[in-house]
Amino acid sequence: MLIVGLTGGIATGKSTVAAMFEKMGIRRIDADSLAREAVESGTAALQEIARTFGSAVIDDQGRLDRKKMAEIVFNDAGKRKQLEGIIHPRVRLLLEERLAAARRAGDCLVLVEVPLLYETNFQRFVDKVIVVRVSEQQQLMRLRQRDGLSLAEAKRRIAAQMPLEEKAALADYVIDNDGTLAETEKQARQILGRLLEECSHA
């Protein structure tokens, strides 16, 4: 089974591209969804987060207050590493469960969407990497529109990640998402064709 990692930068359209692959019949595993599952109310991870960062990051319903957590970790690289240290091992366990299910189902190709693939050295766990890229101008505009951020906040969030061009240089495949959805989908189809060919010869 070929495990393909899909990544990019914040607001580059990773989920849009992942949904295209899913529509083409490829099993999609979203690491962000697994991360949310890992810190659901009552989990050991959430309790550890509360001990580490204080009860202020837990809302009235006993869930993680993502906005407060983001404010803390995006302004402090050390605290971001602490949070990742709590969440990432649990995400890996959940991912292994999903991959095992894919193997049992006989899937020849699985797409794993991982926003911080290179930042967390996750490329070790996949066979191929696709990077979704946009221009810096597009990325800033999309991020500000999506999250209602000031220009300074948006730039800080982008700067907290590895530069997009570095990711693209390391990738096996790059999808340019500056154009129309149809142009993006065309690139995704071409890459899928090559991956399925590789998968059938494995």
C-alpha atoms as a PDB file:
ATOM      1  CA  MET A   1       0.000   0.000   0.000  1.00  0.00           C
ATOM      2  CA  LEU A   2       1.336   3.407  -1.033  1.00  0.00           C
ATOM      3  CA  ILE A   3       0.996   6.054   1.708  1.00  0.00           C
ATOM      4  CA  VAL A   4       0.972   9.551   0.227  1.00  0.00           C
ATOM      5  CA  GLY A   5       1.403  12.606   2.443  1.00  0.00           C
ATOM      6  CA  LEU A   6      -0.345  15.804   1.354  1.00  0.00           C
ATOM      7  CA  THR A   7       0.892  19.068   2.842  1.00  0.00           C
ATOM      8  CA  GLY A   8       1.461  22.746   2.085  1.00  0.00           C
ATOM      9  CA  GLY A   9       1.261  25.929   4.103  1.00  0.00           C
ATOM     10  CA  ILE A  10      -1.532  27.490   6.106  1.00  0.00           C
ATOM     11  CA  ALA A  11      -4.377  28.613   3.761  1.00  0.00           C
ATOM     12  CA  THR A  12      -2.837  27.116   0.602  1.00  0.00           C
ATOM     13  CA  GLY A  13      -5.893  24.925  -0.119  1.00  0.00           C
ATOM     14  CA  LYS A  14      -4.687  21.536   1.177  1.00  0.00           C
ATOM     15  CA  SER A  15      -8.172  20.425   2.220  1.00  0.00           C
ATOM     16  CA  THR A  16      -9.645  21.462  -1.138  1.00  0.00           C
ATOM     17  CA  VAL A  17      -7.038  19.325  -2.946  1.00  0.00           C
ATOM     18  CA  ALA A  18      -7.479  16.421  -0.495  1.00  0.00           C
ATOM     19  CA  ALA A  19     -11.248  16.523  -1.164  1.00  0.00           C
ATOM     20  CA  MET A  20     -10.502  16.262  -4.901  1.00  0.00           C
ATOM     21  CA  PHE A  21      -8.519  13.047  -4.352  1.00  0.00           C
ATOM     22  CA  GLU A  22     -11.317  11.723  -2.138  1.00  0.00           C
ATOM     23  CA  LYS A  23     -13.856  12.468  -4.894  1.00  0.00           C
ATOM     24  CA  MET A  24     -11.621  10.455  -7.256  1.00  0.00           C
ATOM     25  CA  GLY A  25     -12.076   7.446  -4.966  1.00  0.00           C
ATOM     26  CA  ILE A  26      -8.945   7.679  -2.793  1.00  0.00           C
ATOM     27  CA  ARG A  27      -9.203   7.050   0.948  1.00  0.00           C
ATOM     28  CA  ARG A  28      -8.361  10.273   2.789  1.00  0.00           C
ATOM     29  CA  ILE A  29      -7.086  10.511   6.352  1.00  0.00           C
ATOM     30  CA  ASP A  30      -6.982  14.019   7.829  1.00  0.00           C
ATOM     31  CA  ALA A  31      -4.363  14.482  10.576  1.00  0.00           C
ATOM     32  CA  ASP A  32      -6.198  17.608  11.841  1.00  0.00           C
ATOM     33  CA  SER A  33      -9.348  15.513  12.423  1.00  0.00           C
ATOM     34  CA  LEU A  34      -7.239  12.939  14.253  1.00  0.00           C
ATOM     35  CA  ALA A  35      -5.702  15.743  16.355  1.00  0.00           C
ATOM     36  CA  ARG A  36      -9.214  16.936  17.303  1.00  0.00           C
ATOM     37  CA  GLU A  37     -10.169  13.355  18.182  1.00  0.00           C
ATOM     38  CA  ALA A  38      -7.016  13.009  20.322  1.00  0.00           C
ATOM     39  CA  VAL A  39      -8.021  15.973  22.527  1.00  0.00           C
ATOM     40  CA  GLU A  40     -11.760  15.332  22.834  1.00  0.00           C
ATOM     41  CA  SER A  41     -13.398  16.018  26.180  1.00  0.00           C
ATOM     42  CA  GLY A  42     -12.282  13.502  28.813  1.00  0.00           C
ATOM     43  CA  THR A  43      -9.168  12.273  26.982  1.00  0.00           C
ATOM     44  CA  ALA A  44      -5.799  11.893  28.701  1.00  0.00           C
ATOM     45  CA  ALA A  45      -4.312  14.345  26.180  1.00  0.00           C
ATOM     46  CA  LEU A  46      -6.780  17.085  27.151  1.00  0.00           C
ATOM     47  CA  GLN A  47      -6.043  16.538  30.839  1.00  0.00           C
ATOM     48  CA  GLU A  48      -2.316  16.829  30.125  1.00  0.00           C
ATOM     49  CA  ILE A  49      -2.894  20.057  28.142  1.00  0.00           C
ATOM     50  CA  ALA A  50      -4.838  21.526  31.094  1.00  0.00           C
ATOM     51  CA  ARG A  51      -2.022  20.595  33.496  1.00  0.00           C
ATOM     52  CA  THR A  52       0.618  22.081  31.176  1.00  0.00           C
ATOM     53  CA  PHE A  53      -1.119  25.277  30.017  1.00  0.00           C
ATOM     54  CA  GLY A  54      -3.681  25.919  32.758  1.00  0.00           C
ATOM     55  CA  SER A  55      -7.454  25.542  32.948  1.00  0.00           C
ATOM     56  CA  ALA A  56      -7.981  28.781  30.941  1.00  0.00           C
ATOM     57  CA  VAL A  57      -7.495  26.771  27.703  1.00  0.00           C
ATOM     58  CA  ILE A  58     -10.508  24.559  28.566  1.00  0.00           C
ATOM     59  CA  ASP A  59     -13.952  26.028  27.766  1.00  0.00           C
ATOM     60  CA  ASP A  60     -17.172  25.802  29.850  1.00  0.00           C
ATOM     61  CA  GLN A  61     -18.140  22.528  28.116  1.00  0.00           C
ATOM     62  CA  GLY A  62     -14.848  20.902  29.120  1.00  0.00           C
ATOM     63  CA  ARG A  63     -13.436  21.089  25.599  1.00  0.00           C
ATOM     64  CA  LEU A  64     -10.224  22.606  24.306  1.00  0.00           C
ATOM     65  CA  ASP A  65     -10.579  26.333  23.603  1.00  0.00           C
ATOM     66  CA  ARG A  66      -8.757  26.350  20.267  1.00  0.00           C
ATOM     67  CA  LYS A  67      -8.677  30.133  19.950  1.00  0.00           C
ATOM     68  CA  LYS A  68      -6.990  30.594  23.336  1.00  0.00           C
ATOM     69  CA  MET A  69      -4.614  27.730  22.632  1.00  0.00           C
ATOM     70  CA  ALA A  70      -3.678  29.229  19.249  1.00  0.00           C
ATOM     71  CA  GLU A  71      -2.961  32.622  20.847  1.00  0.00           C
ATOM     72  CA  ILE A  72      -0.524  30.937  23.245  1.00  0.00           C
ATOM     73  CA  VAL A  73       1.325  28.658  20.816  1.00  0.00           C
ATOM     74  CA  PHE A  74       1.556  31.001  17.829  1.00  0.00           C
ATOM     75  CA  ASN A  75       3.387  33.524  19.999  1.00  0.00           C
ATOM     76  CA  ASP A  76       5.759  31.084  21.671  1.00  0.00           C
ATOM     77  CA  ALA A  77       7.698  28.393  19.766  1.00  0.00           C
ATOM     78  CA  GLY A  78       8.603  26.584  23.010  1.00  0.00           C
ATOM     79  CA  LYS A  79       4.960  26.252  24.046  1.00  0.00           C
ATOM     80  CA  ARG A  80       4.057  25.112  20.530  1.00  0.00           C
ATOM     81  CA  LYS A  81       6.637  22.310  20.841  1.00  0.00           C
ATOM     82  CA  GLN A  82       5.149  21.348  24.238  1.00  0.00           C
ATOM     83  CA  LEU A  83       1.667  21.093  22.744  1.00  0.00           C
ATOM     84  CA  GLU A  84       2.938  19.071  19.768  1.00  0.00           C
ATOM     85  CA  GLY A  85       4.722  16.742  22.197  1.00  0.00           C
ATOM     86  CA  ILE A  86       1.367  15.968  23.832  1.00  0.00           C
ATOM     87  CA  ILE A  87      -0.755  15.643  20.680  1.00  0.00           C
ATOM     88  CA  HIS A  88       1.490  14.122  17.994  1.00  0.00           C
ATOM     89  CA  PRO A  89       2.212  10.701  19.607  1.00  0.00           C
ATOM     90  CA  ARG A  90      -1.541  10.199  20.063  1.00  0.00           C
ATOM     91  CA  VAL A  91      -2.260  11.260  16.487  1.00  0.00           C
ATOM     92  CA  ARG A  92       0.252   8.662  15.269  1.00  0.00           C
ATOM     93  CA  LEU A  93      -1.564   5.911  17.171  1.00  0.00           C
ATOM     94  CA  LEU A  94      -4.908   6.943  15.657  1.00  0.00           C
ATOM     95  CA  LEU A  95      -3.288   7.117  12.218  1.00  0.00           C
ATOM     96  CA  GLU A  96      -1.902   3.595  12.575  1.00  0.00           C
ATOM     97  CA  GLU A  97      -5.428   2.355  13.328  1.00  0.00           C
ATOM     98  CA  ARG A  98      -6.780   4.033  10.165  1.00  0.00           C
ATOM     99  CA  LEU A  99      -3.930   2.709   8.006  1.00  0.00           C
ATOM    100  CA  ALA A 100      -4.467  -0.802   9.344  1.00  0.00           C
ATOM    101  CA  ALA A 101      -8.150  -0.534   8.331  1.00  0.00           C
ATOM    102  CA  ALA A 102      -7.084   0.615   4.828  1.00  0.00           C
ATOM    103  CA  ARG A 103      -4.753  -2.386   4.492  1.00  0.00           C
ATOM    104  CA  ARG A 104      -7.514  -4.749   5.591  1.00  0.00           C
ATOM    105  CA  ALA A 105      -9.813  -3.175   2.969  1.00  0.00           C
ATOM    106  CA  GLY A 106      -7.166  -3.828   0.306  1.00  0.00           C
ATOM    107  CA  ASP A 107      -6.540  -0.165  -0.587  1.00  0.00           C
ATOM    108  CA  CYS A 108      -3.543   0.291  -2.861  1.00  0.00           C
ATOM    109  CA  LEU A 109      -3.235   4.038  -2.142  1.00  0.00           C
ATOM    110  CA  VAL A 110      -4.052   6.186   0.898  1.00  0.00           C
ATOM    111  CA  LEU A 111      -3.804   9.975   1.158  1.00  0.00           C
ATOM    112  CA  VAL A 112      -2.804  11.395   4.536  1.00  0.00           C
ATOM    113  CA  GLU A 113      -3.349  15.146   4.890  1.00  0.00           C
ATOM    114  CA  VAL A 114      -0.719  16.519   7.311  1.00  0.00           C
ATOM    115  CA  PRO A 115      -0.419  20.330   7.612  1.00  0.00           C
ATOM    116  CA  LEU A 116       2.928  20.204   9.466  1.00  0.00           C
ATOM    117  CA  LEU A 117       4.379  17.200   7.644  1.00  0.00           C
ATOM    118  CA  TYR A 118       7.954  18.479   7.309  1.00  0.00           C
ATOM    119  CA  GLU A 119       7.914  20.477  10.564  1.00  0.00           C
ATOM    120  CA  THR A 120       7.162  17.284  12.510  1.00  0.00           C
ATOM    121  CA  ASN A 121       9.409  15.029  10.401  1.00  0.00           C
ATOM    122  CA  PHE A 122       6.332  13.074   9.323  1.00  0.00           C
ATOM    123  CA  GLN A 123       7.810  12.378   5.883  1.00  0.00           C
ATOM    124  CA  ARG A 124       9.445   9.319   7.525  1.00  0.00           C
ATOM    125  CA  PHE A 125       6.025   7.680   7.672  1.00  0.00           C
ATOM    126  CA  VAL A 126       4.942   8.208   4.052  1.00  0.00           C
ATOM    127  CA  ASP A 127       6.152   6.904   0.689  1.00  0.00           C
ATOM    128  CA  LYS A 128       5.491  10.041  -1.379  1.00  0.00           C
ATOM    129  CA  VAL A 129       4.774  13.705  -0.609  1.00  0.00           C
ATOM    130  CA  ILE A 130       2.542  16.161  -2.480  1.00  0.00           C
ATOM    131  CA  VAL A 131       2.887  19.863  -1.614  1.00  0.00           C
ATOM    132  CA  VAL A 132       0.092  22.342  -2.371  1.00  0.00           C
ATOM    133  CA  ARG A 133       1.627  25.711  -3.148  1.00  0.00           C
ATOM    134  CA  VAL A 134       0.313  29.258  -3.704  1.00  0.00           C
ATOM    135  CA  SER A 135       2.028  32.648  -4.004  1.00  0.00           C
ATOM    136  CA  GLU A 136       2.770  34.498  -0.757  1.00  0.00           C
ATOM    137  CA  GLN A 137       0.290  37.216  -1.763  1.00  0.00           C
ATOM    138  CA  GLN A 138      -2.505  34.644  -2.275  1.00  0.00           C
ATOM    139  CA  GLN A 139      -1.653  32.887   0.996  1.00  0.00           C
ATOM    140  CA  LEU A 140      -1.837  36.120   3.010  1.00  0.00           C
ATOM    141  CA  MET A 141      -5.113  37.134   1.363  1.00  0.00           C
ATOM    142  CA  ARG A 142      -6.771  33.733   1.906  1.00  0.00           C
ATOM    143  CA  LEU A 143      -5.599  33.474   5.512  1.00  0.00           C
ATOM    144  CA  ARG A 144      -6.833  36.962   6.399  1.00  0.00           C
ATOM    145  CA  GLN A 145     -10.202  36.347   4.741  1.00  0.00           C
ATOM    146  CA  ARG A 146     -10.620  32.913   6.314  1.00  0.00           C
ATOM    147  CA  ASP A 147      -9.588  33.729   9.895  1.00  0.00           C
ATOM    148  CA  GLY A 148     -10.265  37.472  10.064  1.00  0.00           C
ATOM    149  CA  LEU A 149      -6.655  38.263  10.931  1.00  0.00           C
ATOM    150  CA  SER A 150      -4.688  41.498  10.685  1.00  0.00           C
ATOM    151  CA  LEU A 151      -1.804  41.549   8.213  1.00  0.00           C
ATOM    152  CA  ALA A 152       0.722  41.273  11.090  1.00  0.00           C
ATOM    153  CA  GLU A 153      -1.106  38.276  12.620  1.00  0.00           C
ATOM    154  CA  ALA A 154      -1.356  36.515   9.268  1.00  0.00           C
ATOM    155  CA  LYS A 155       2.359  37.065   8.584  1.00  0.00           C
ATOM    156  CA  ARG A 156       3.227  35.717  12.045  1.00  0.00           C
ATOM    157  CA  ARG A 157       1.224  32.523  11.474  1.00  0.00           C
ATOM    158  CA  ILE A 158       2.856  31.947   8.094  1.00  0.00           C
ATOM    159  CA  ALA A 159       6.310  32.625   9.595  1.00  0.00           C
ATOM    160  CA  ALA A 160       5.640  29.981  12.283  1.00  0.00           C
ATOM    161  CA  GLN A 161       5.745  27.320   9.532  1.00  0.00           C
ATOM    162  CA  MET A 162       8.563  26.157   7.314  1.00  0.00           C
ATOM    163  CA  PRO A 163       8.748  28.325   4.128  1.00  0.00           C
ATOM    164  CA  LEU A 164       6.492  27.000   1.376  1.00  0.00           C
ATOM    165  CA  GLU A 165       9.265  27.010  -1.242  1.00  0.00           C
ATOM    166  CA  GLU A 166      11.423  24.770   0.996  1.00  0.00           C
ATOM    167  CA  LYS A 167       8.559  22.293   1.270  1.00  0.00           C
ATOM    168  CA  ALA A 168       8.015  22.360  -2.496  1.00  0.00           C
ATOM    169  CA  ALA A 169      11.728  21.663  -3.074  1.00  0.00           C
ATOM    170  CA  LEU A 170      11.529  18.549  -0.877  1.00  0.00           C
ATOM    171  CA  ALA A 171       8.274  17.186  -2.363  1.00  0.00           C
ATOM    172  CA  ASP A 172       7.839  14.389  -4.903  1.00  0.00           C
ATOM    173  CA  TYR A 173       4.933  16.304  -6.487  1.00  0.00           C
ATOM    174  CA  VAL A 174       3.836  19.954  -6.331  1.00  0.00           C
ATOM    175  CA  ILE A 175       0.329  21.260  -7.064  1.00  0.00           C
ATOM    176  CA  ASP A 176       0.113  24.953  -7.910  1.00  0.00           C
ATOM    177  CA  ASN A 177      -3.156  26.222  -6.435  1.00  0.00           C
ATOM    178  CA  ASP A 178      -2.983  29.850  -7.622  1.00  0.00           C
ATOM    179  CA  GLY A 179      -5.287  29.235 -10.585  1.00  0.00           C
ATOM    180  CA  THR A 180      -8.859  27.982 -10.975  1.00  0.00           C
ATOM    181  CA  LEU A 181     -10.260  24.885  -9.259  1.00  0.00           C
ATOM    182  CA  ALA A 182     -10.388  23.161 -12.651  1.00  0.00           C
ATOM    183  CA  GLU A 183      -6.640  23.814 -13.164  1.00  0.00           C
ATOM    184  CA  THR A 184      -5.878  22.470  -9.694  1.00  0.00           C
ATOM    185  CA  GLU A 185      -8.009  19.364 -10.287  1.00  0.00           C
ATOM    186  CA  LYS A 186      -6.245  18.693 -13.589  1.00  0.00           C
ATOM    187  CA  GLN A 187      -2.882  18.617 -11.784  1.00  0.00           C
ATOM    188  CA  ALA A 188      -4.329  16.346  -9.070  1.00  0.00           C
ATOM    189  CA  ARG A 189      -5.627  13.892 -11.707  1.00  0.00           C
ATOM    190  CA  GLN A 190      -2.250  13.752 -13.457  1.00  0.00           C
ATOM    191  CA  ILE A 191      -0.453  13.063 -10.174  1.00  0.00           C
ATOM    192  CA  LEU A 192      -3.028  10.444  -9.184  1.00  0.00           C
ATOM    193  CA  GLY A 193      -2.490   8.661 -12.501  1.00  0.00           C
ATOM    194  CA  ARG A 194       1.251   8.420 -11.822  1.00  0.00           C
ATOM    195  CA  LEU A 195       0.731   7.300  -8.225  1.00  0.00           C
ATOM    196  CA  LEU A 196      -1.746   4.565  -9.198  1.00  0.00           C
ATOM    197  CA  GLU A 197       0.695   3.318 -11.825  1.00  0.00           C
ATOM    198  CA  GLU A 198       3.431   3.163  -9.215  1.00  0.00           C
ATOM    199  CA  CYS A 199       1.086   1.494  -6.775  1.00  0.00           C
ATOM    200  CA  SER A 200       0.090  -1.209  -9.267  1.00  0.00           C
ATOM    201  CA  HIS A 201       3.755  -2.032  -9.931  1.00  0.00           C
ATOM    202  CA  ALA A 202       4.679  -2.206  -6.229  1.00  0.00           C
END
